[in-house]
């Protein structure tokens, strides 16, 4: 009879610990498991000004530059319309929080964008002093 009571107490204690542990994980801030994330919220052309809005989050203590690019999708092979922007590392706040930045894109020489153009927009983190490796964490295709 005592062994059944002991087993019941152990099972009850284990269940209580599991429930409390799960509740504490559910209530913990989401920042504990965050990675270095970027999402592109918007790309737009207003007058002659190209811009993109990104939401980002990065781990505390990291030093990154944020690089954004816009490329026209339907274009001839000999002409490439490209616009880029870089936010320097001292302007990027890495503290696990979601933050929003607006990047003002600068078209390269000979680039031409108009309303209605289909564009591919990318964003990536790059270490300070390094060149963009044409990789991306975020990519969208949209119409200006």
Protein backbone atom coordinates (compact mmCIF):
# COMPACT_ATOMS: atom_id res chain seq x y z
CA UNK A 1 0.00 0.00 0.00
CA UNK A 2 2.83 2.43 0.82
CA UNK A 3 4.57 1.82 -2.51
CA UNK A 4 1.41 2.82 -4.41
CA UNK A 5 1.13 6.03 -2.39
CA UNK A 6 4.82 6.78 -3.00
CA UNK A 7 4.45 6.16 -6.75
CA UNK A 8 1.42 8.45 -6.83
CA UNK A 9 3.34 11.23 -5.04
CA UNK A 10 6.33 10.87 -7.36
CA UNK A 11 4.07 10.93 -10.43
CA UNK A 12 2.20 13.98 -9.09
CA UNK A 13 5.44 15.80 -8.32
CA UNK A 14 6.83 15.02 -11.78
CA UNK A 15 3.63 16.27 -13.42
CA UNK A 16 3.71 19.49 -11.38
CA UNK A 17 7.36 20.12 -12.31
CA UNK A 18 6.59 19.52 -16.00
CA UNK A 19 3.63 21.92 -15.93
CA UNK A 20 5.58 24.62 -14.07
CA UNK A 21 8.57 24.20 -16.36
CA UNK A 22 6.41 24.49 -19.44
CA UNK A 23 4.66 27.56 -18.03
CA UNK A 24 7.96 29.27 -17.26
CA UNK A 25 9.20 28.60 -20.81
CA UNK A 26 5.98 29.94 -22.28
CA UNK A 27 6.27 33.13 -20.23
CA UNK A 28 9.98 33.67 -20.91
CA UNK A 29 10.82 36.48 -23.33
CA UNK A 30 11.15 35.37 -26.94
CA UNK A 31 14.55 37.05 -27.12
CA UNK A 32 16.30 34.12 -25.55
CA UNK A 33 16.00 32.03 -28.70
CA UNK A 34 16.29 34.73 -31.35
CA UNK A 35 18.66 34.56 -34.25
CA UNK A 36 19.94 37.21 -36.62
CA UNK A 37 16.81 37.99 -38.62
CA UNK A 38 15.82 40.43 -41.37
CA UNK A 39 12.49 40.86 -43.12
CA UNK A 40 11.72 43.32 -45.89
CA UNK A 41 8.53 45.16 -45.06
CA UNK A 42 8.29 47.50 -48.07
CA UNK A 43 10.05 48.68 -51.22
CA UNK A 44 8.93 51.87 -52.89
CA UNK A 45 9.61 54.59 -55.42
CA UNK A 46 8.46 58.13 -54.54
CA UNK A 47 9.38 60.62 -57.20
CA UNK A 48 13.02 59.79 -57.93
CA UNK A 49 13.69 58.37 -54.44
CA UNK A 50 13.99 54.60 -53.97
CA UNK A 51 13.68 53.18 -50.48
CA UNK A 52 13.08 49.98 -48.59
CA UNK A 53 11.89 49.36 -45.05
CA UNK A 54 13.35 46.42 -43.14
CA UNK A 55 12.64 44.88 -39.77
CA UNK A 56 15.69 43.34 -38.16
CA UNK A 57 16.88 41.69 -34.99
CA UNK A 58 20.36 40.51 -34.03
CA UNK A 59 22.07 38.96 -31.03
CA UNK A 60 23.55 41.25 -28.39
CA UNK A 61 27.16 42.22 -28.95
CA UNK A 62 27.30 41.54 -32.68
CA UNK A 63 28.60 44.22 -35.02
CA UNK A 64 27.03 44.12 -38.48
CA UNK A 65 26.38 46.38 -41.41
CA UNK A 66 23.00 45.99 -43.06
CA UNK A 67 23.09 45.94 -46.88
CA UNK A 68 20.01 46.40 -49.06
CA UNK A 69 19.77 45.95 -52.84
CA UNK A 70 17.09 46.50 -55.44
CA UNK A 71 17.42 45.06 -58.95
CA UNK A 72 15.00 45.43 -61.83
CA UNK A 73 13.72 41.95 -62.79
CA UNK A 74 12.82 42.32 -66.47
CA UNK A 75 15.80 43.99 -68.10
CA UNK A 76 18.13 43.45 -70.99
CA UNK A 77 21.36 41.55 -70.33
CA UNK A 78 23.62 44.45 -71.28
CA UNK A 79 21.83 46.92 -68.96
CA UNK A 80 21.45 46.28 -65.24
CA UNK A 81 19.37 48.60 -63.07
CA UNK A 82 20.64 48.31 -59.51
CA UNK A 83 20.25 50.42 -56.38
CA UNK A 84 22.02 49.79 -53.06
CA UNK A 85 22.23 51.11 -49.52
CA UNK A 86 24.40 50.25 -46.53
CA UNK A 87 23.64 51.07 -42.91
CA UNK A 88 26.93 51.21 -40.97
CA UNK A 89 27.53 48.98 -37.95
CA UNK A 90 27.35 51.89 -35.49
CA UNK A 91 23.72 52.53 -36.57
CA UNK A 92 22.62 48.89 -36.09
CA UNK A 93 21.44 48.11 -32.56
CA UNK A 94 21.85 44.43 -31.67
CA UNK A 95 19.87 43.71 -28.51
CA UNK A 96 17.42 40.92 -29.45
CA UNK A 97 14.65 43.51 -30.05
CA UNK A 98 12.78 43.86 -33.33
CA UNK A 99 13.76 47.18 -34.90
CA UNK A 100 12.73 48.93 -38.12
CA UNK A 101 15.00 50.87 -40.51
CA UNK A 102 14.32 52.75 -43.71
CA UNK A 103 17.13 52.47 -46.25
CA UNK A 104 17.46 55.15 -48.92
CA UNK A 105 18.72 53.31 -51.98
CA UNK A 106 21.17 54.93 -54.39
CA UNK A 107 20.91 53.79 -58.03
CA UNK A 108 24.15 52.90 -59.79
CA UNK A 109 25.18 54.92 -62.82
CA UNK A 110 22.87 54.17 -65.77
CA UNK A 111 20.12 52.58 -63.63
CA UNK A 112 16.55 53.55 -64.34
CA UNK A 113 13.49 52.71 -62.21
CA UNK A 114 9.87 53.79 -62.87
CA UNK A 115 6.50 53.05 -61.28
CA UNK A 116 5.27 49.63 -62.39
CA UNK A 117 8.75 48.06 -62.63
CA UNK A 118 9.04 44.58 -61.13
CA UNK A 119 12.01 44.53 -58.76
CA UNK A 120 13.83 42.01 -56.61
CA UNK A 121 14.80 43.39 -53.20
CA UNK A 122 17.33 41.73 -50.88
CA UNK A 123 18.77 42.46 -47.44
CA UNK A 124 21.73 40.94 -45.64
CA UNK A 125 24.12 41.43 -42.73
CA UNK A 126 27.78 41.97 -43.62
CA UNK A 127 30.73 42.28 -41.25
CA UNK A 128 32.24 45.79 -41.20
CA UNK A 129 34.97 46.21 -43.78
CA UNK A 130 33.85 43.21 -45.83
CA UNK A 131 32.21 43.29 -49.24
CA UNK A 132 28.69 42.03 -49.75
CA UNK A 133 28.92 38.43 -50.96
CA UNK A 134 25.60 38.66 -52.84
CA UNK A 135 24.00 36.44 -50.22
CA UNK A 136 20.77 37.44 -48.54
CA UNK A 137 18.73 36.72 -45.46
CA UNK A 138 15.62 38.32 -46.92
CA UNK A 139 14.34 38.48 -50.49
CA UNK A 140 11.10 39.73 -52.01
CA UNK A 141 9.93 40.42 -55.55
CA UNK A 142 7.44 43.27 -55.86
CA UNK A 143 6.16 45.98 -58.18
CA UNK A 144 7.11 49.60 -57.58
